[in-house]
Amino acid sequence: GNEIQPNYRGADVDAYADAAPPQEWGGGQEDAAAPSGPKIGRYLSALNRFKWLIVVFVILGAGAGYAATKFVDPEYEVKATIMLEMGSGTNQGERRGPIQANELLQASGWQDLLRSFAIADPVVNQLALFVEPSRVADSTIFQSFRVSPLLRPGGYVLSITDNRYVLSLNPGGVEVESGLLSDSIGRRVGFLWQPGEQAFAGRKTVEFHVQPPRDASIALIKKLRMTLTEGSSFMPVNLTGNNSHRTANTLNAWVEQFVMVATALKKKNVTTYASILDGQRQYAADNLTSPE
């Protein structure tokens, strides 16, 4: 009576748990077949269940893409590499050879020259970068556009009727000038512009904005980026803008103007150094012939 009796109920449950499943369950001693793979029907069912949600996301994505192409201006980057001087990357203290002028500018000096108004102003005036047409296709109309010191900057709209034009402020619509398309346009506000009738073939209005050339030069200088390693003969330059062709033409003209100005400075430096050497040679020759 003092011994612990075995738990027959627990034994029965354990025995039942370890036993084979009944035959009526359909299992028997054979294992159930493993699934062969994902079923297409389940995916189609999920797509059918969330089809309206998918349609909403597609519409939102297409609308966002359309808005991005219409309201977000693309930005292009063009690059160029300028070779400054042959052998400028070598150690100047170990240079051997004939007497020659010293290096024209140091690394910071080349960068200051490239960003100077002596380079930017001629480029702005050459490409008429101080005028911004509302349509990129109208840039060809303003190729001969120049301004005088009496320029009145701001927005303008040119209305064309047959062979006559009306130049008005934009916004505001205040008439500034009117006349024939064959005449000069905008003389009262400082424009030096005579594109001719053929330039406005099929056009009714042309909108554009004009700013002082110096302001355009300052804006371009801010967009110009360059890197020059001390002792290197190459200076990479890049420029960003919203118009790919205009940005590329601007950088090409910028590099050409830089090379022209740098060449003129280099020539002046060499000429001055040659004059100094010639004076020293003449002085030494006089000292030699005088005792003789």
C-alpha atoms as a PDB file:
ATOM      1  CA  GLY A   1       0.000   0.000   0.000  1.00  0.00           C
ATOM      2  CA  ASN A   2       3.036   2.330   0.322  1.00  0.00           C
ATOM      3  CA  GLU A   3       4.276   1.800  -3.294  1.00  0.00           C
ATOM      4  CA  ILE A   4       3.495   4.304  -5.995  1.00  0.00           C
ATOM      5  CA  GLN A   5       1.136   2.787  -8.482  1.00  0.00           C
ATOM      6  CA  PRO A   6       2.017   3.123 -12.230  1.00  0.00           C
ATOM      7  CA  ASN A   7       0.069   5.721 -14.264  1.00  0.00           C
ATOM      8  CA  TYR A   8      -1.786   3.497 -16.666  1.00  0.00           C
ATOM      9  CA  ARG A   9      -3.623   6.417 -18.257  1.00  0.00           C
ATOM     10  CA  GLY A  10      -0.333   8.080 -19.284  1.00  0.00           C
ATOM     11  CA  ALA A  11       0.995   4.810 -20.602  1.00  0.00           C
ATOM     12  CA  ASP A  12      -2.071   4.370 -22.748  1.00  0.00           C
ATOM     13  CA  VAL A  13      -1.670   7.848 -24.196  1.00  0.00           C
ATOM     14  CA  ASP A  14       2.009   7.257 -24.983  1.00  0.00           C
ATOM     15  CA  ALA A  15       1.281   3.976 -26.582  1.00  0.00           C
ATOM     16  CA  TYR A  16      -1.489   5.547 -28.651  1.00  0.00           C
ATOM     17  CA  ALA A  17       0.781   8.366 -29.743  1.00  0.00           C
ATOM     18  CA  ASP A  18       3.464   5.981 -30.945  1.00  0.00           C
ATOM     19  CA  ALA A  19       1.035   3.716 -32.715  1.00  0.00           C
ATOM     20  CA  ALA A  20       0.470   3.700 -36.444  1.00  0.00           C
ATOM     21  CA  PRO A  21      -2.423   5.832 -37.733  1.00  0.00           C
ATOM     22  CA  PRO A  22      -5.674   4.033 -38.387  1.00  0.00           C
ATOM     23  CA  GLN A  23      -6.270   2.628 -41.804  1.00  0.00           C
ATOM     24  CA  GLU A  24      -9.341   4.834 -42.355  1.00  0.00           C
ATOM     25  CA  TRP A  25      -7.136   7.963 -42.265  1.00  0.00           C
ATOM     26  CA  GLY A  26      -5.679   6.960 -45.605  1.00  0.00           C
ATOM     27  CA  GLY A  27      -2.084   7.176 -44.384  1.00  0.00           C
ATOM     28  CA  GLY A  28      -1.230   3.587 -43.582  1.00  0.00           C
ATOM     29  CA  GLN A  29       2.479   2.883 -43.412  1.00  0.00           C
ATOM     30  CA  GLU A  30       3.167   4.863 -46.648  1.00  0.00           C
ATOM     31  CA  ASP A  31       4.495   8.453 -46.436  1.00  0.00           C
ATOM     32  CA  ALA A  32       2.472  11.268 -48.019  1.00  0.00           C
ATOM     33  CA  ALA A  33       3.837  12.482 -51.359  1.00  0.00           C
ATOM     34  CA  ALA A  34       5.934  15.687 -51.073  1.00  0.00           C
ATOM     35  CA  PRO A  35       4.668  18.718 -53.040  1.00  0.00           C
ATOM     36  CA  SER A  36       6.152  18.807 -56.505  1.00  0.00           C
ATOM     37  CA  GLY A  37       6.691  22.647 -56.534  1.00  0.00           C
ATOM     38  CA  PRO A  38       4.888  25.976 -56.487  1.00  0.00           C
ATOM     39  CA  LYS A  39       1.547  25.996 -58.152  1.00  0.00           C
ATOM     40  CA  ILE A  40       0.759  28.709 -60.733  1.00  0.00           C
ATOM     41  CA  GLY A  41      -2.805  28.753 -59.582  1.00  0.00           C
ATOM     42  CA  ARG A  42      -1.858  30.172 -56.171  1.00  0.00           C
ATOM     43  CA  TYR A  43       0.022  33.067 -57.791  1.00  0.00           C
ATOM     44  CA  LEU A  44      -2.809  33.779 -60.169  1.00  0.00           C
ATOM     45  CA  SER A  45      -5.230  33.741 -57.275  1.00  0.00           C
ATOM     46  CA  ALA A  46      -3.078  36.231 -55.332  1.00  0.00           C
ATOM     47  CA  LEU A  47      -2.840  38.512 -58.374  1.00  0.00           C
ATOM     48  CA  ASN A  48      -6.581  38.348 -58.876  1.00  0.00           C
ATOM     49  CA  ARG A  49      -7.166  39.161 -55.195  1.00  0.00           C
ATOM     50  CA  PHE A  50      -4.927  42.309 -55.282  1.00  0.00           C
ATOM     51  CA  LYS A  51      -5.489  43.355 -58.896  1.00  0.00           C
ATOM     52  CA  TRP A  52      -7.037  46.731 -58.019  1.00  0.00           C
ATOM     53  CA  LEU A  53      -4.184  47.553 -55.670  1.00  0.00           C
ATOM     54  CA  ILE A  54      -1.683  46.700 -58.439  1.00  0.00           C
ATOM     55  CA  VAL A  55      -3.579  48.895 -60.913  1.00  0.00           C
ATOM     56  CA  VAL A  56      -3.512  51.833 -58.452  1.00  0.00           C
ATOM     57  CA  PHE A  57       0.268  51.517 -57.946  1.00  0.00           C
ATOM     58  CA  VAL A  58       0.867  51.297 -61.703  1.00  0.00           C
ATOM     59  CA  ILE A  59      -1.173  54.461 -62.293  1.00  0.00           C
ATOM     60  CA  LEU A  60       0.640  56.305 -59.503  1.00  0.00           C
ATOM     61  CA  GLY A  61       4.040  55.256 -60.841  1.00  0.00           C
ATOM     62  CA  ALA A  62       3.181  56.289 -64.399  1.00  0.00           C
ATOM     63  CA  GLY A  63       1.878  59.650 -63.157  1.00  0.00           C
ATOM     64  CA  ALA A  64       5.020  60.260 -61.100  1.00  0.00           C
ATOM     65  CA  GLY A  65       7.224  59.417 -64.096  1.00  0.00           C
ATOM     66  CA  TYR A  66       5.277  61.765 -66.368  1.00  0.00           C
ATOM     67  CA  ALA A  67       5.495  64.557 -63.798  1.00  0.00           C
ATOM     68  CA  ALA A  68       9.232  63.998 -63.435  1.00  0.00           C
ATOM     69  CA  THR A  69       9.775  64.371 -67.193  1.00  0.00           C
ATOM     70  CA  LYS A  70       7.668  67.550 -67.340  1.00  0.00           C
ATOM     71  CA  PHE A  71       8.593  69.433 -64.176  1.00  0.00           C
ATOM     72  CA  VAL A  72      12.097  68.157 -63.305  1.00  0.00           C
ATOM     73  CA  ASP A  73      14.778  69.607 -65.559  1.00  0.00           C
ATOM     74  CA  PRO A  74      17.520  67.143 -66.538  1.00  0.00           C
ATOM     75  CA  GLU A  75      21.100  68.095 -65.727  1.00  0.00           C
ATOM     76  CA  TYR A  76      23.959  67.187 -68.034  1.00  0.00           C
ATOM     77  CA  GLU A  77      27.677  67.143 -67.287  1.00  0.00           C
ATOM     78  CA  VAL A  78      30.371  67.637 -69.911  1.00  0.00           C
ATOM     79  CA  LYS A  79      34.076  67.135 -69.310  1.00  0.00           C
ATOM     80  CA  ALA A  80      37.351  68.233 -70.862  1.00  0.00           C
ATOM     81  CA  THR A  81      41.043  67.861 -70.026  1.00  0.00           C
ATOM     82  CA  ILE A  82      43.601  70.608 -70.572  1.00  0.00           C
ATOM     83  CA  MET A  83      47.322  69.920 -70.846  1.00  0.00           C
ATOM     84  CA  LEU A  84      49.064  72.919 -69.322  1.00  0.00           C
ATOM     85  CA  GLU A  85      52.810  72.648 -70.045  1.00  0.00           C
ATOM     86  CA  MET A  86      55.092  69.896 -71.228  1.00  0.00           C
ATOM     87  CA  GLY A  87      57.245  68.749 -68.365  1.00  0.00           C
ATOM     88  CA  SER A  88      55.527  70.901 -65.749  1.00  0.00           C
ATOM     89  CA  GLY A  89      55.018  67.805 -63.624  1.00  0.00           C
ATOM     90  CA  THR A  90      58.759  67.163 -63.260  1.00  0.00           C
ATOM     91  CA  ASN A  91      60.912  68.423 -60.462  1.00  0.00           C
ATOM     92  CA  GLN A  92      61.973  71.883 -61.533  1.00  0.00           C
ATOM     93  CA  GLY A  93      65.077  71.775 -59.315  1.00  0.00           C
ATOM     94  CA  GLU A  94      66.486  68.791 -61.210  1.00  0.00           C
ATOM     95  CA  ARG A  95      65.730  70.066 -64.704  1.00  0.00           C
ATOM     96  CA  ARG A  96      68.646  69.951 -67.101  1.00  0.00           C
ATOM     97  CA  GLY A  97      68.847  71.629 -70.466  1.00  0.00           C
ATOM     98  CA  PRO A  98      69.090  75.063 -72.083  1.00  0.00           C
ATOM     99  CA  ILE A  99      68.154  78.259 -70.265  1.00  0.00           C
ATOM    100  CA  GLN A 100      64.402  78.802 -70.413  1.00  0.00           C
ATOM    101  CA  ALA A 101      61.705  80.823 -68.726  1.00  0.00           C
ATOM    102  CA  ASN A 102      60.242  79.671 -65.447  1.00  0.00           C
ATOM    103  CA  GLU A 103      56.808  78.094 -65.243  1.00  0.00           C
ATOM    104  CA  LEU A 104      54.157  80.697 -66.000  1.00  0.00           C
ATOM    105  CA  LEU A 105      51.698  79.917 -63.181  1.00  0.00           C
ATOM    106  CA  GLN A 106      51.400  77.568 -60.239  1.00  0.00           C
ATOM    107  CA  ALA A 107      48.442  75.183 -59.782  1.00  0.00           C
ATOM    108  CA  SER A 108      46.227  77.754 -58.046  1.00  0.00           C
ATOM    109  CA  GLY A 109      47.139  80.354 -60.672  1.00  0.00           C
ATOM    110  CA  TRP A 110      45.846  78.194 -63.541  1.00  0.00           C
ATOM    111  CA  GLN A 111      42.556  77.679 -61.705  1.00  0.00           C
ATOM    112  CA  ASP A 112      42.197  81.412 -61.058  1.00  0.00           C
ATOM    113  CA  LEU A 113      42.859  82.132 -64.724  1.00  0.00           C
ATOM    114  CA  LEU A 114      40.250  79.606 -65.857  1.00  0.00           C
ATOM    115  CA  ARG A 115      37.656  81.198 -63.538  1.00  0.00           C
ATOM    116  CA  SER A 116      38.539  84.780 -64.469  1.00  0.00           C
ATOM    117  CA  PHE A 117      36.268  87.131 -66.390  1.00  0.00           C
ATOM    118  CA  ALA A 118      38.947  87.362 -69.079  1.00  0.00           C
ATOM    119  CA  ILE A 119      37.841  83.831 -70.032  1.00  0.00           C
ATOM    120  CA  ALA A 120      34.142  83.883 -69.108  1.00  0.00           C
ATOM    121  CA  ASP A 121      33.060  87.219 -70.617  1.00  0.00           C
ATOM    122  CA  PRO A 122      34.207  86.477 -74.204  1.00  0.00           C
ATOM    123  CA  VAL A 123      32.511  83.059 -74.054  1.00  0.00           C
ATOM    124  CA  VAL A 124      29.239  84.567 -72.824  1.00  0.00           C
ATOM    125  CA  ASN A 125      29.286  87.227 -75.547  1.00  0.00           C
ATOM    126  CA  GLN A 126      30.311  84.792 -78.270  1.00  0.00           C
ATOM    127  CA  LEU A 127      27.504  82.284 -77.560  1.00  0.00           C
ATOM    128  CA  ALA A 128      24.928  84.854 -76.343  1.00  0.00           C
ATOM    129  CA  LEU A 129      24.557  82.997 -73.050  1.00  0.00           C
ATOM    130  CA  PHE A 130      22.943  86.044 -71.415  1.00  0.00           C
ATOM    131  CA  VAL A 131      19.654  85.336 -73.221  1.00  0.00           C
ATOM    132  CA  GLU A 132      17.480  82.348 -72.256  1.00  0.00           C
ATOM    133  CA  PRO A 133      14.657  81.431 -74.669  1.00  0.00           C
ATOM    134  CA  SER A 134      11.659  79.647 -73.195  1.00  0.00           C
ATOM    135  CA  ARG A 135      11.985  76.979 -75.908  1.00  0.00           C
ATOM    136  CA  VAL A 136      15.268  75.225 -76.546  1.00  0.00           C
ATOM    137  CA  ALA A 137      14.534  75.177 -80.295  1.00  0.00           C
ATOM    138  CA  ASP A 138      14.534  78.996 -80.343  1.00  0.00           C
ATOM    139  CA  SER A 139      18.231  79.152 -79.462  1.00  0.00           C
ATOM    140  CA  THR A 140      19.088  79.390 -83.180  1.00  0.00           C
ATOM    141  CA  ILE A 141      17.100  82.630 -83.422  1.00  0.00           C
ATOM    142  CA  PHE A 142      19.341  84.281 -80.820  1.00  0.00           C
ATOM    143  CA  GLN A 143      22.713  83.337 -82.319  1.00  0.00           C
ATOM    144  CA  SER A 144      23.283  86.934 -83.480  1.00  0.00           C
ATOM    145  CA  PHE A 145      21.753  88.469 -80.347  1.00  0.00           C
ATOM    146  CA  ARG A 146      23.996  91.079 -78.688  1.00  0.00           C
ATOM    147  CA  VAL A 147      23.380  93.802 -76.130  1.00  0.00           C
ATOM    148  CA  SER A 148      24.609  97.341 -75.521  1.00  0.00           C
ATOM    149  CA  PRO A 149      25.506  99.044 -72.208  1.00  0.00           C
ATOM    150  CA  LEU A 150      21.931 100.434 -72.171  1.00  0.00           C
ATOM    151  CA  LEU A 151      20.480  96.948 -71.681  1.00  0.00           C
ATOM    152  CA  ARG A 152      17.241  96.669 -69.730  1.00  0.00           C
ATOM    153  CA  PRO A 153      17.255  93.101 -68.331  1.00  0.00           C
ATOM    154  CA  GLY A 154      14.069  91.127 -67.764  1.00  0.00           C
ATOM    155  CA  GLY A 155      11.529  88.905 -69.503  1.00  0.00           C
ATOM    156  CA  TYR A 156      10.187  89.726 -72.955  1.00  0.00           C
ATOM    157  CA  VAL A 157       7.702  88.314 -75.442  1.00  0.00           C
ATOM    158  CA  LEU A 158       7.884  88.988 -79.175  1.00  0.00           C
ATOM    159  CA  SER A 159       4.501  88.838 -80.923  1.00  0.00           C
ATOM    160  CA  ILE A 160       4.641  88.371 -84.700  1.00  0.00           C
ATOM    161  CA  THR A 161       1.898  89.280 -87.174  1.00  0.00           C
ATOM    162  CA  ASP A 162       2.763  88.912 -90.859  1.00  0.00           C
ATOM    163  CA  ASN A 163       5.962  90.932 -91.304  1.00  0.00           C
ATOM    164  CA  ARG A 164       5.588  93.073 -88.173  1.00  0.00           C
ATOM    165  CA  TYR A 165       6.508  92.524 -84.538  1.00  0.00           C
ATOM    166  CA  VAL A 166       5.502  93.858 -81.131  1.00  0.00           C
ATOM    167  CA  LEU A 167       8.001  93.583 -78.279  1.00  0.00           C
ATOM    168  CA  SER A 168       6.384  93.549 -74.825  1.00  0.00           C
ATOM    169  CA  LEU A 169       7.450  92.970 -71.244  1.00  0.00           C
ATOM    170  CA  ASN A 170       6.773  89.548 -69.765  1.00  0.00           C
ATOM    171  CA  PRO A 171       4.974  89.498 -67.380  1.00  0.00           C
ATOM    172  CA  GLY A 172       2.971  92.685 -67.631  1.00  0.00           C
ATOM    173  CA  GLY A 173       2.389  92.891 -71.355  1.00  0.00           C
ATOM    174  CA  VAL A 174       3.547  96.521 -71.574  1.00  0.00           C
ATOM    175  CA  GLU A 175       4.511  97.301 -75.152  1.00  0.00           C
ATOM    176  CA  VAL A 176       8.141  98.326 -75.533  1.00  0.00           C
ATOM    177  CA  GLU A 177       8.604  98.577 -79.271  1.00  0.00           C
ATOM    178  CA  SER A 178       7.022  97.649 -82.585  1.00  0.00           C
ATOM    179  CA  GLY A 179       8.160  97.651 -86.181  1.00  0.00           C
ATOM    180  CA  LEU A 180       9.105  95.512 -89.174  1.00  0.00           C
ATOM    181  CA  LEU A 181      10.858  92.173 -88.753  1.00  0.00           C
ATOM    182  CA  SER A 182      13.497  93.281 -91.222  1.00  0.00           C
ATOM    183  CA  ASP A 183      14.559  96.084 -88.860  1.00  0.00           C
ATOM    184  CA  SER A 184      16.580  95.874 -85.654  1.00  0.00           C
ATOM    185  CA  ILE A 185      14.541  94.597 -82.715  1.00  0.00           C
ATOM    186  CA  GLY A 186      14.702  96.038 -79.199  1.00  0.00           C
ATOM    187  CA  ARG A 187      16.915  99.073 -79.752  1.00  0.00           C
ATOM    188  CA  ARG A 188      15.053 100.974 -77.036  1.00  0.00           C
ATOM    189  CA  VAL A 189      15.954  98.407 -74.393  1.00  0.00           C
ATOM    190  CA  GLY A 190      19.558  97.863 -75.455  1.00  0.00           C
ATOM    191  CA  PHE A 191      19.211  94.952 -77.906  1.00  0.00           C
ATOM    192  CA  LEU A 192      21.545  94.639 -80.904  1.00  0.00           C
ATOM    193  CA  TRP A 193      19.459  92.096 -82.779  1.00  0.00           C
ATOM    194  CA  GLN A 194      18.375  91.804 -86.401  1.00  0.00           C
ATOM    195  CA  PRO A 195      17.494  88.151 -87.138  1.00  0.00           C
ATOM    196  CA  GLY A 196      15.346  88.806 -90.248  1.00  0.00           C
ATOM    197  CA  GLU A 197      11.921  87.539 -91.295  1.00  0.00           C
ATOM    198  CA  GLN A 198      13.039  84.005 -92.200  1.00  0.00           C
ATOM    199  CA  ALA A 199      14.134  83.286 -88.625  1.00  0.00           C
ATOM    200  CA  PHE A 200      10.494  83.587 -87.435  1.00  0.00           C
ATOM    201  CA  ALA A 201       8.872  81.494 -90.168  1.00  0.00           C
ATOM    202  CA  GLY A 202       5.699  79.897 -88.784  1.00  0.00           C
ATOM    203  CA  ARG A 203       6.069  81.503 -85.333  1.00  0.00           C
ATOM    204  CA  LYS A 204       3.535  83.746 -83.613  1.00  0.00           C
ATOM    205  CA  THR A 205       5.214  84.405 -80.260  1.00  0.00           C
ATOM    206  CA  VAL A 206       8.751  84.058 -78.931  1.00  0.00           C
ATOM    207  CA  GLU A 207       9.403  84.344 -75.200  1.00  0.00           C
ATOM    208  CA  PHE A 208      12.858  84.932 -73.711  1.00  0.00           C
ATOM    209  CA  HIS A 209      14.693  86.375 -70.730  1.00  0.00           C
ATOM    210  CA  VAL A 210      17.737  88.653 -70.895  1.00  0.00           C
ATOM    211  CA  GLN A 211      20.260  89.313 -68.127  1.00  0.00           C
ATOM    212  CA  PRO A 212      23.474  91.373 -68.005  1.00  0.00           C
ATOM    213  CA  PRO A 213      26.449  89.506 -69.525  1.00  0.00           C
ATOM    214  CA  ARG A 214      28.451  89.833 -66.315  1.00  0.00           C
ATOM    215  CA  ASP A 215      25.673  88.105 -64.336  1.00  0.00           C
ATOM    216  CA  ALA A 216      25.705  85.260 -66.856  1.00  0.00           C
ATOM    217  CA  SER A 217      29.485  84.984 -66.477  1.00  0.00           C
ATOM    218  CA  ILE A 218      29.199  84.775 -62.682  1.00  0.00           C
ATOM    219  CA  ALA A 219      26.554  82.036 -62.949  1.00  0.00           C
ATOM    220  CA  LEU A 220      28.719  80.019 -65.345  1.00  0.00           C
ATOM    221  CA  ILE A 221      31.826  80.355 -63.192  1.00  0.00           C
ATOM    222  CA  LYS A 222      29.877  78.896 -60.255  1.00  0.00           C
ATOM    223  CA  LYS A 223      28.981  75.829 -62.345  1.00  0.00           C
ATOM    224  CA  LEU A 224      32.561  75.210 -63.498  1.00  0.00           C
ATOM    225  CA  ARG A 225      34.516  72.544 -61.607  1.00  0.00           C
ATOM    226  CA  MET A 226      38.173  71.629 -61.967  1.00  0.00           C
ATOM    227  CA  THR A 227      40.836  69.559 -60.245  1.00  0.00           C
ATOM    228  CA  LEU A 228      44.567  70.084 -60.567  1.00  0.00           C
ATOM    229  CA  THR A 229      47.112  68.024 -58.676  1.00  0.00           C
ATOM    230  CA  GLU A 230      50.330  69.778 -57.726  1.00  0.00           C
ATOM    231  CA  GLY A 231      53.018  68.806 -60.209  1.00  0.00           C
ATOM    232  CA  SER A 232      50.566  67.426 -62.795  1.00  0.00           C
ATOM    233  CA  SER A 233      50.456  68.672 -66.385  1.00  0.00           C
ATOM    234  CA  PHE A 234      46.752  67.870 -66.861  1.00  0.00           C
ATOM    235  CA  MET A 235      43.743  69.750 -65.504  1.00  0.00           C
ATOM    236  CA  PRO A 236      40.301  68.033 -65.799  1.00  0.00           C
ATOM    237  CA  VAL A 237      37.386  70.469 -66.182  1.00  0.00           C
ATOM    238  CA  ASN A 238      33.646  69.765 -66.083  1.00  0.00           C
ATOM    239  CA  LEU A 239      30.560  71.935 -66.543  1.00  0.00           C
ATOM    240  CA  THR A 240      26.896  71.170 -65.751  1.00  0.00           C
ATOM    241  CA  GLY A 241      23.783  72.515 -67.463  1.00  0.00           C
ATOM    242  CA  ASN A 242      20.197  71.740 -68.477  1.00  0.00           C
ATOM    243  CA  ASN A 243      20.886  71.776 -72.237  1.00  0.00           C
ATOM    244  CA  SER A 244      23.346  69.149 -73.422  1.00  0.00           C
ATOM    245  CA  HIS A 245      24.352  70.821 -76.724  1.00  0.00           C
ATOM    246  CA  ARG A 246      24.588  74.297 -75.231  1.00  0.00           C
ATOM    247  CA  THR A 247      26.636  73.046 -72.267  1.00  0.00           C
ATOM    248  CA  ALA A 248      29.033  71.174 -74.558  1.00  0.00           C
ATOM    249  CA  ASN A 249      29.471  74.210 -76.834  1.00  0.00           C
ATOM    250  CA  THR A 250      30.038  76.406 -73.786  1.00  0.00           C
ATOM    251  CA  LEU A 251      32.796  74.203 -72.389  1.00  0.00           C
ATOM    252  CA  ASN A 252      34.476  73.894 -75.798  1.00  0.00           C
ATOM    253  CA  ALA A 253      34.488  77.676 -76.228  1.00  0.00           C
ATOM    254  CA  TRP A 254      35.690  78.076 -72.641  1.00  0.00           C
ATOM    255  CA  VAL A 255      38.662  75.762 -73.175  1.00  0.00           C
ATOM    256  CA  GLU A 256      39.548  77.422 -76.491  1.00  0.00           C
ATOM    257  CA  GLN A 257      39.477  80.870 -74.896  1.00  0.00           C
ATOM    258  CA  PHE A 258      41.599  79.621 -71.993  1.00  0.00           C
ATOM    259  CA  VAL A 259      44.189  78.138 -74.349  1.00  0.00           C
ATOM    260  CA  MET A 260      44.316  81.355 -76.368  1.00  0.00           C
ATOM    261  CA  VAL A 261      44.793  83.576 -73.296  1.00  0.00           C
ATOM    262  CA  ALA A 262      47.304  81.182 -71.692  1.00  0.00           C
ATOM    263  CA  THR A 263      49.273  81.002 -74.944  1.00  0.00           C
ATOM    264  CA  ALA A 264      49.402  84.801 -75.168  1.00  0.00           C
ATOM    265  CA  LEU A 265      50.597  85.041 -71.554  1.00  0.00           C
ATOM    266  CA  LYS A 266      53.171  82.312 -72.129  1.00  0.00           C
ATOM    267  CA  LYS A 267      54.453  84.046 -75.271  1.00  0.00           C
ATOM    268  CA  LYS A 268      54.722  87.341 -73.416  1.00  0.00           C
ATOM    269  CA  ASN A 269      56.573  85.618 -70.578  1.00  0.00           C
ATOM    270  CA  VAL A 270      59.048  83.951 -72.964  1.00  0.00           C
ATOM    271  CA  THR A 271      59.556  87.177 -74.908  1.00  0.00           C
ATOM    272  CA  THR A 272      60.266  89.129 -71.731  1.00  0.00           C
ATOM    273  CA  TYR A 273      62.690  86.477 -70.498  1.00  0.00           C
ATOM    274  CA  ALA A 274      64.457  86.416 -73.865  1.00  0.00           C
ATOM    275  CA  SER A 275      64.804  90.201 -73.755  1.00  0.00           C
ATOM    276  CA  ILE A 276      66.357  89.988 -70.286  1.00  0.00           C
ATOM    277  CA  LEU A 277      68.827  87.303 -71.438  1.00  0.00           C
ATOM    278  CA  ASP A 278      69.723  89.328 -74.506  1.00  0.00           C
ATOM    279  CA  GLY A 279      70.436  92.351 -72.302  1.00  0.00           C
ATOM    280  CA  GLN A 280      72.668  90.235 -70.064  1.00  0.00           C
ATOM    281  CA  ARG A 281      74.488  88.842 -73.083  1.00  0.00           C
ATOM    282  CA  GLN A 282      75.071  92.320 -74.495  1.00  0.00           C
ATOM    283  CA  TYR A 283      76.326  93.547 -71.122  1.00  0.00           C
ATOM    284  CA  ALA A 284      78.790  90.615 -70.873  1.00  0.00           C
ATOM    285  CA  ALA A 285      79.947  91.238 -74.459  1.00  0.00           C
ATOM    286  CA  ASP A 286      80.624  94.912 -73.678  1.00  0.00           C
ATOM    287  CA  ASN A 287      82.586  93.957 -70.579  1.00  0.00           C
ATOM    288  CA  LEU A 288      84.648  91.557 -72.678  1.00  0.00           C
ATOM    289  CA  THR A 289      85.402  93.918 -75.551  1.00  0.00           C
ATOM    290  CA  SER A 290      86.177  96.891 -73.288  1.00  0.00           C
ATOM    291  CA  PRO A 291      89.406  95.427 -71.768  1.00  0.00           C
ATOM    292  CA  GLU A 292      90.436  94.113 -75.164  1.00  0.00           C
END
